[in-house]
């Protein structure tokens, strides 16, 4: 099993909240990038492109991207649409894992029901131009964070995180441990325990009031 296969397997069993709890240095894209399609969950290596009010580069990137890739478009947060229905259909046909555009997207009549995860900052009917070729596969900024070609992009209902592929397996394994702990907490809560008991909140508050170092953790 390749590392990418392992990453996808691990990512399927965790959520972005657990990833962020396990990997405090994980990049989290701005919540202004919202899911526009029927499915918010994605995971895959980034194929990156930078565009400004011109979507020719997005076409170039879709041509380069392969099955399982996530297209990450640095649109500078500007409003003109850099993709729409045809782009989503083309990405689906190639088996891409998703599209993230820090800019505008359009054709929501189709995209809102599309099984391909699509995220954007804006929704607008006005499209950009097709006059400026772009370089695909460069470090970009999307949702306020840097994204390198090949970075692992993971998204779900809570947001979008970006992991260094070299650290992804470690972080996702730790996230699985977080999920397992939370599952035990839920069992204890269902059995009648209180949240304060499970995290030792009284002791934690006492230590803080005494100026002692303390960290709130689940004791299960």
C-alpha atoms as a PDB file:
ATOM      1  CA  UNK A   1       0.000   0.000   0.000  1.00  0.00           C
ATOM      2  CA  UNK A   2       1.454   3.386  -1.013  1.00  0.00           C
ATOM      3  CA  UNK A   3       1.543   6.325   1.386  1.00  0.00           C
ATOM      4  CA  UNK A   4      -1.254   7.999  -0.607  1.00  0.00           C
ATOM      5  CA  UNK A   5      -3.399   4.884  -0.241  1.00  0.00           C
ATOM      6  CA  UNK A   6      -2.686   4.901   3.487  1.00  0.00           C
ATOM      7  CA  UNK A   7      -3.503   8.602   3.729  1.00  0.00           C
ATOM      8  CA  UNK A   8      -6.847   8.118   1.993  1.00  0.00           C
ATOM      9  CA  UNK A   9      -7.698   5.114   4.179  1.00  0.00           C
ATOM     10  CA  UNK A  10      -6.884   6.985   7.382  1.00  0.00           C
ATOM     11  CA  UNK A  11      -8.624  10.182   6.255  1.00  0.00           C
ATOM     12  CA  UNK A  12     -11.829   8.264   5.563  1.00  0.00           C
ATOM     13  CA  UNK A  13     -12.148   7.452   9.266  1.00  0.00           C
ATOM     14  CA  UNK A  14     -11.427  10.869  10.791  1.00  0.00           C
ATOM     15  CA  UNK A  15     -12.817  14.375  10.504  1.00  0.00           C
ATOM     16  CA  UNK A  16     -11.136  17.747  10.198  1.00  0.00           C
ATOM     17  CA  UNK A  17     -11.838  18.604  13.827  1.00  0.00           C
ATOM     18  CA  UNK A  18      -9.845  15.568  14.989  1.00  0.00           C
ATOM     19  CA  UNK A  19      -7.066  16.418  12.547  1.00  0.00           C
ATOM     20  CA  UNK A  20      -6.815  19.929  13.975  1.00  0.00           C
ATOM     21  CA  UNK A  21      -6.826  18.587  17.536  1.00  0.00           C
ATOM     22  CA  UNK A  22      -4.033  16.168  16.658  1.00  0.00           C
ATOM     23  CA  UNK A  23      -2.011  18.504  14.430  1.00  0.00           C
ATOM     24  CA  UNK A  24      -1.984  22.005  15.848  1.00  0.00           C
ATOM     25  CA  UNK A  25       0.235  23.150  12.974  1.00  0.00           C
ATOM     26  CA  UNK A  26      -2.184  22.019  10.275  1.00  0.00           C
ATOM     27  CA  UNK A  27      -3.210  24.782   7.900  1.00  0.00           C
ATOM     28  CA  UNK A  28      -6.938  25.554   7.914  1.00  0.00           C
ATOM     29  CA  UNK A  29      -8.445  27.450   5.002  1.00  0.00           C
ATOM     30  CA  UNK A  30     -10.750  30.376   5.647  1.00  0.00           C
ATOM     31  CA  UNK A  31     -14.362  29.407   6.413  1.00  0.00           C
ATOM     32  CA  UNK A  32     -15.295  31.909   3.703  1.00  0.00           C
ATOM     33  CA  UNK A  33     -14.606  29.049   1.287  1.00  0.00           C
ATOM     34  CA  UNK A  34     -17.890  27.188   1.372  1.00  0.00           C
ATOM     35  CA  UNK A  35     -19.067  23.935  -0.126  1.00  0.00           C
ATOM     36  CA  UNK A  36     -21.315  24.572  -3.141  1.00  0.00           C
ATOM     37  CA  UNK A  37     -22.014  20.964  -4.109  1.00  0.00           C
ATOM     38  CA  UNK A  38     -23.937  18.023  -2.678  1.00  0.00           C
ATOM     39  CA  UNK A  39     -20.864  16.372  -1.158  1.00  0.00           C
ATOM     40  CA  UNK A  40     -18.425  18.252   1.121  1.00  0.00           C
ATOM     41  CA  UNK A  41     -15.968  15.417   1.849  1.00  0.00           C
ATOM     42  CA  UNK A  42     -12.730  15.181  -0.109  1.00  0.00           C
ATOM     43  CA  UNK A  43      -9.147  14.031   0.265  1.00  0.00           C
ATOM     44  CA  UNK A  44      -6.291  14.117  -2.203  1.00  0.00           C
ATOM     45  CA  UNK A  45      -3.048  15.713  -3.315  1.00  0.00           C
ATOM     46  CA  UNK A  46      -3.239  19.291  -4.548  1.00  0.00           C
ATOM     47  CA  UNK A  47      -2.842  20.329  -8.153  1.00  0.00           C
ATOM     48  CA  UNK A  48      -2.357  24.077  -7.913  1.00  0.00           C
ATOM     49  CA  UNK A  49      -2.830  27.044 -10.220  1.00  0.00           C
ATOM     50  CA  UNK A  50      -2.921  30.821  -9.750  1.00  0.00           C
ATOM     51  CA  UNK A  51      -5.441  32.905 -11.713  1.00  0.00           C
ATOM     52  CA  UNK A  52      -6.679  36.478 -11.564  1.00  0.00           C
ATOM     53  CA  UNK A  53     -10.072  37.148 -13.162  1.00  0.00           C
ATOM     54  CA  UNK A  54      -9.151  34.693 -15.940  1.00  0.00           C
ATOM     55  CA  UNK A  55      -9.985  30.991 -15.952  1.00  0.00           C
ATOM     56  CA  UNK A  56      -7.733  29.756 -18.758  1.00  0.00           C
ATOM     57  CA  UNK A  57      -5.362  28.433 -16.092  1.00  0.00           C
ATOM     58  CA  UNK A  58      -8.156  26.378 -14.536  1.00  0.00           C
ATOM     59  CA  UNK A  59      -8.704  24.628 -17.854  1.00  0.00           C
ATOM     60  CA  UNK A  60      -4.972  23.971 -18.063  1.00  0.00           C
ATOM     61  CA  UNK A  61      -4.964  22.547 -14.527  1.00  0.00           C
ATOM     62  CA  UNK A  62      -7.904  20.221 -15.180  1.00  0.00           C
ATOM     63  CA  UNK A  63      -6.041  18.887 -18.211  1.00  0.00           C
ATOM     64  CA  UNK A  64      -2.988  18.146 -16.039  1.00  0.00           C
ATOM     65  CA  UNK A  65      -4.813  16.772 -12.995  1.00  0.00           C
ATOM     66  CA  UNK A  66      -5.408  13.070 -12.587  1.00  0.00           C
ATOM     67  CA  UNK A  67      -7.823  10.799 -10.764  1.00  0.00           C
ATOM     68  CA  UNK A  68      -7.875  11.491  -7.042  1.00  0.00           C
ATOM     69  CA  UNK A  69      -6.295  14.945  -7.271  1.00  0.00           C
ATOM     70  CA  UNK A  70      -7.777  18.059  -5.701  1.00  0.00           C
ATOM     71  CA  UNK A  71      -7.713  21.141  -7.923  1.00  0.00           C
ATOM     72  CA  UNK A  72      -6.719  24.158  -5.801  1.00  0.00           C
ATOM     73  CA  UNK A  73      -7.231  27.506  -7.520  1.00  0.00           C
ATOM     74  CA  UNK A  74      -5.691  30.675  -6.116  1.00  0.00           C
ATOM     75  CA  UNK A  75      -8.075  33.273  -7.478  1.00  0.00           C
ATOM     76  CA  UNK A  76      -6.927  35.982  -5.106  1.00  0.00           C
ATOM     77  CA  UNK A  77     -10.306  35.960  -3.413  1.00  0.00           C
ATOM     78  CA  UNK A  78     -11.735  37.960  -6.307  1.00  0.00           C
ATOM     79  CA  UNK A  79     -15.347  37.671  -7.420  1.00  0.00           C
ATOM     80  CA  UNK A  80     -15.326  36.666 -11.117  1.00  0.00           C
ATOM     81  CA  UNK A  81     -16.221  33.016 -11.643  1.00  0.00           C
ATOM     82  CA  UNK A  82     -13.214  30.865 -12.492  1.00  0.00           C
ATOM     83  CA  UNK A  83     -15.230  27.673 -13.012  1.00  0.00           C
ATOM     84  CA  UNK A  84     -18.758  26.348 -13.391  1.00  0.00           C
ATOM     85  CA  UNK A  85     -20.846  23.364 -14.477  1.00  0.00           C
ATOM     86  CA  UNK A  86     -18.668  22.299 -17.398  1.00  0.00           C
ATOM     87  CA  UNK A  87     -15.555  22.353 -15.217  1.00  0.00           C
ATOM     88  CA  UNK A  88     -17.235  20.201 -12.561  1.00  0.00           C
ATOM     89  CA  UNK A  89     -18.412  17.733 -15.188  1.00  0.00           C
ATOM     90  CA  UNK A  90     -14.934  17.564 -16.720  1.00  0.00           C
ATOM     91  CA  UNK A  91     -13.395  16.988 -13.289  1.00  0.00           C
ATOM     92  CA  UNK A  92     -15.917  14.248 -12.552  1.00  0.00           C
ATOM     93  CA  UNK A  93     -15.137  12.548 -15.849  1.00  0.00           C
ATOM     94  CA  UNK A  94     -11.425  12.491 -14.940  1.00  0.00           C
ATOM     95  CA  UNK A  95     -12.081  11.224 -11.430  1.00  0.00           C
ATOM     96  CA  UNK A  96     -10.783  14.275  -9.554  1.00  0.00           C
ATOM     97  CA  UNK A  97     -11.411  14.321  -5.810  1.00  0.00           C
ATOM     98  CA  UNK A  98     -12.643  17.919  -5.755  1.00  0.00           C
ATOM     99  CA  UNK A  99     -12.263  21.565  -6.734  1.00  0.00           C
ATOM    100  CA  UNK A 100     -11.429  24.430  -4.375  1.00  0.00           C
ATOM    101  CA  UNK A 101     -11.522  27.967  -5.796  1.00  0.00           C
ATOM    102  CA  UNK A 102     -10.527  31.021  -3.806  1.00  0.00           C
ATOM    103  CA  UNK A 103     -12.655  33.115  -6.095  1.00  0.00           C
ATOM    104  CA  UNK A 104     -16.004  32.798  -7.814  1.00  0.00           C
ATOM    105  CA  UNK A 105     -17.940  29.745  -8.974  1.00  0.00           C
ATOM    106  CA  UNK A 106     -21.134  29.651 -10.973  1.00  0.00           C
ATOM    107  CA  UNK A 107     -23.832  27.350 -12.372  1.00  0.00           C
ATOM    108  CA  UNK A 108     -25.143  26.421  -8.929  1.00  0.00           C
ATOM    109  CA  UNK A 109     -28.300  24.978 -10.455  1.00  0.00           C
ATOM    110  CA  UNK A 110     -26.146  22.007 -11.436  1.00  0.00           C
ATOM    111  CA  UNK A 111     -23.278  22.296  -8.971  1.00  0.00           C
ATOM    112  CA  UNK A 112     -25.549  22.267  -5.908  1.00  0.00           C
ATOM    113  CA  UNK A 113     -26.566  18.690  -6.801  1.00  0.00           C
ATOM    114  CA  UNK A 114     -23.161  17.602  -8.092  1.00  0.00           C
ATOM    115  CA  UNK A 115     -21.422  14.660  -6.332  1.00  0.00           C
ATOM    116  CA  UNK A 116     -18.026  16.271  -6.893  1.00  0.00           C
ATOM    117  CA  UNK A 117     -16.966  18.334  -3.851  1.00  0.00           C
ATOM    118  CA  UNK A 118     -16.751  21.974  -4.968  1.00  0.00           C
ATOM    119  CA  UNK A 119     -15.720  24.856  -2.713  1.00  0.00           C
ATOM    120  CA  UNK A 120     -15.539  28.557  -3.522  1.00  0.00           C
ATOM    121  CA  UNK A 121     -15.383  31.934  -1.836  1.00  0.00           C
ATOM    122  CA  UNK A 122     -18.009  33.569  -4.051  1.00  0.00           C
ATOM    123  CA  UNK A 123     -20.978  32.596  -6.187  1.00  0.00           C
ATOM    124  CA  UNK A 124     -21.556  34.817  -9.208  1.00  0.00           C
ATOM    125  CA  UNK A 125     -22.909  34.530 -12.750  1.00  0.00           C
ATOM    126  CA  UNK A 126     -20.115  36.688 -14.165  1.00  0.00           C
ATOM    127  CA  UNK A 127     -17.204  34.713 -15.595  1.00  0.00           C
ATOM    128  CA  UNK A 128     -13.612  35.783 -15.989  1.00  0.00           C
ATOM    129  CA  UNK A 129     -11.700  35.981 -19.259  1.00  0.00           C
ATOM    130  CA  UNK A 130      -9.628  33.346 -21.073  1.00  0.00           C
ATOM    131  CA  UNK A 131      -6.652  35.423 -22.172  1.00  0.00           C
ATOM    132  CA  UNK A 132      -3.869  34.674 -19.689  1.00  0.00           C
ATOM    133  CA  UNK A 133      -2.151  31.276 -19.649  1.00  0.00           C
ATOM    134  CA  UNK A 134      -1.045  30.182 -16.177  1.00  0.00           C
ATOM    135  CA  UNK A 135       1.656  27.986 -14.716  1.00  0.00           C
ATOM    136  CA  UNK A 136       0.224  24.846 -13.150  1.00  0.00           C
ATOM    137  CA  UNK A 137       1.991  23.325 -10.152  1.00  0.00           C
ATOM    138  CA  UNK A 138       3.290  26.312  -8.213  1.00  0.00           C
ATOM    139  CA  UNK A 139       2.937  27.227  -4.547  1.00  0.00           C
ATOM    140  CA  UNK A 140      -0.257  29.244  -4.161  1.00  0.00           C
ATOM    141  CA  UNK A 141      -2.323  30.836  -1.427  1.00  0.00           C
ATOM    142  CA  UNK A 142      -5.853  29.557  -1.051  1.00  0.00           C
ATOM    143  CA  UNK A 143      -8.188  30.466   1.768  1.00  0.00           C
ATOM    144  CA  UNK A 144      -5.387  32.387   3.442  1.00  0.00           C
ATOM    145  CA  UNK A 145      -2.927  29.485   3.668  1.00  0.00           C
ATOM    146  CA  UNK A 146      -0.048  28.334   1.445  1.00  0.00           C
ATOM    147  CA  UNK A 147      -0.650  25.232  -0.636  1.00  0.00           C
ATOM    148  CA  UNK A 148       2.178  23.411  -2.384  1.00  0.00           C
ATOM    149  CA  UNK A 149       1.710  20.986  -5.261  1.00  0.00           C
ATOM    150  CA  UNK A 150       1.163  17.565  -3.725  1.00  0.00           C
ATOM    151  CA  UNK A 151       0.045  18.831  -0.316  1.00  0.00           C
ATOM    152  CA  UNK A 152      -2.754  16.714   1.121  1.00  0.00           C
ATOM    153  CA  UNK A 153      -6.073  18.560   1.114  1.00  0.00           C
ATOM    154  CA  UNK A 154      -8.862  17.198   3.296  1.00  0.00           C
ATOM    155  CA  UNK A 155     -12.325  18.718   3.635  1.00  0.00           C
ATOM    156  CA  UNK A 156     -15.627  17.929   5.285  1.00  0.00           C
ATOM    157  CA  UNK A 157     -18.610  19.695   6.840  1.00  0.00           C
ATOM    158  CA  UNK A 158     -16.368  21.655   9.228  1.00  0.00           C
ATOM    159  CA  UNK A 159     -13.830  23.028   6.777  1.00  0.00           C
ATOM    160  CA  UNK A 160     -10.678  22.452   4.758  1.00  0.00           C
ATOM    161  CA  UNK A 161      -7.275  21.474   6.129  1.00  0.00           C
ATOM    162  CA  UNK A 162      -3.934  21.164   4.361  1.00  0.00           C
ATOM    163  CA  UNK A 163      -1.223  18.747   5.488  1.00  0.00           C
ATOM    164  CA  UNK A 164       2.374  18.274   4.465  1.00  0.00           C
ATOM    165  CA  UNK A 165       2.408  14.850   2.786  1.00  0.00           C
ATOM    166  CA  UNK A 166       5.517  13.901   4.767  1.00  0.00           C
ATOM    167  CA  UNK A 167       3.581  14.301   8.031  1.00  0.00           C
ATOM    168  CA  UNK A 168       0.110  13.276   6.892  1.00  0.00           C
ATOM    169  CA  UNK A 169       0.188   9.639   8.033  1.00  0.00           C
ATOM    170  CA  UNK A 170       1.464  10.634  11.485  1.00  0.00           C
ATOM    171  CA  UNK A 171      -1.158  13.353  11.887  1.00  0.00           C
ATOM    172  CA  UNK A 172      -4.015  11.187  10.613  1.00  0.00           C
ATOM    173  CA  UNK A 173      -3.000   8.317  12.884  1.00  0.00           C
ATOM    174  CA  UNK A 174      -3.047  10.734  15.811  1.00  0.00           C
ATOM    175  CA  UNK A 175      -6.437  12.022  14.651  1.00  0.00           C
ATOM    176  CA  UNK A 176      -7.765   8.465  14.714  1.00  0.00           C
ATOM    177  CA  UNK A 177      -6.664   8.231  18.354  1.00  0.00           C
ATOM    178  CA  UNK A 178      -8.547  11.469  19.071  1.00  0.00           C
ATOM    179  CA  UNK A 179     -11.667   9.997  17.470  1.00  0.00           C
ATOM    180  CA  UNK A 180     -11.316   6.827  19.546  1.00  0.00           C
ATOM    181  CA  UNK A 181     -11.051   8.854  22.759  1.00  0.00           C
ATOM    182  CA  UNK A 182     -14.102  10.893  21.807  1.00  0.00           C
ATOM    183  CA  UNK A 183     -16.048   7.696  21.157  1.00  0.00           C
ATOM    184  CA  UNK A 184     -15.266   6.526  24.707  1.00  0.00           C
ATOM    185  CA  UNK A 185     -16.366   9.916  26.038  1.00  0.00           C
ATOM    186  CA  UNK A 186     -19.697   9.565  24.253  1.00  0.00           C
ATOM    187  CA  UNK A 187     -20.157   6.125  25.789  1.00  0.00           C
ATOM    188  CA  UNK A 188     -19.482   7.528  29.273  1.00  0.00           C
ATOM    189  CA  UNK A 189     -21.846  10.445  28.694  1.00  0.00           C
ATOM    190  CA  UNK A 190     -24.555   8.057  27.537  1.00  0.00           C
ATOM    191  CA  UNK A 191     -23.953   6.055  30.708  1.00  0.00           C
ATOM    192  CA  UNK A 192     -24.598   9.108  32.890  1.00  0.00           C
ATOM    193  CA  UNK A 193     -21.174  10.687  33.430  1.00  0.00           C
ATOM    194  CA  UNK A 194     -20.910  14.471  33.282  1.00  0.00           C
ATOM    195  CA  UNK A 195     -18.591  16.370  30.992  1.00  0.00           C
ATOM    196  CA  UNK A 196     -16.931  18.014  33.977  1.00  0.00           C
ATOM    197  CA  UNK A 197     -16.087  14.616  35.437  1.00  0.00           C
ATOM    198  CA  UNK A 198     -14.670  13.324  32.199  1.00  0.00           C
ATOM    199  CA  UNK A 199     -12.297  16.250  31.755  1.00  0.00           C
ATOM    200  CA  UNK A 200     -11.522  16.890  35.423  1.00  0.00           C
ATOM    201  CA  UNK A 201     -12.695  20.465  35.073  1.00  0.00           C
ATOM    202  CA  UNK A 202     -12.674  21.242  38.820  1.00  0.00           C
ATOM    203  CA  UNK A 203      -9.023  20.226  39.203  1.00  0.00           C
ATOM    204  CA  UNK A 204      -8.097  22.041  36.000  1.00  0.00           C
ATOM    205  CA  UNK A 205      -9.712  25.286  37.179  1.00  0.00           C
ATOM    206  CA  UNK A 206      -8.049  24.995  40.585  1.00  0.00           C
ATOM    207  CA  UNK A 207      -4.606  24.597  39.015  1.00  0.00           C
ATOM    208  CA  UNK A 208      -5.173  27.561  36.731  1.00  0.00           C
ATOM    209  CA  UNK A 209      -6.294  29.728  39.649  1.00  0.00           C
ATOM    210  CA  UNK A 210      -3.118  28.784  41.506  1.00  0.00           C
ATOM    211  CA  UNK A 211      -1.095  29.842  38.486  1.00  0.00           C
ATOM    212  CA  UNK A 212       0.007  26.296  37.784  1.00  0.00           C
ATOM    213  CA  UNK A 213       0.294  24.837  34.283  1.00  0.00           C
ATOM    214  CA  UNK A 214      -2.668  22.711  33.327  1.00  0.00           C
ATOM    215  CA  UNK A 215      -4.197  21.200  30.248  1.00  0.00           C
ATOM    216  CA  UNK A 216      -7.790  20.091  29.854  1.00  0.00           C
ATOM    217  CA  UNK A 217      -7.890  16.502  28.590  1.00  0.00           C
ATOM    218  CA  UNK A 218     -10.356  13.638  28.607  1.00  0.00           C
ATOM    219  CA  UNK A 219      -9.760  11.064  31.354  1.00  0.00           C
ATOM    220  CA  UNK A 220     -11.268   7.926  29.798  1.00  0.00           C
END
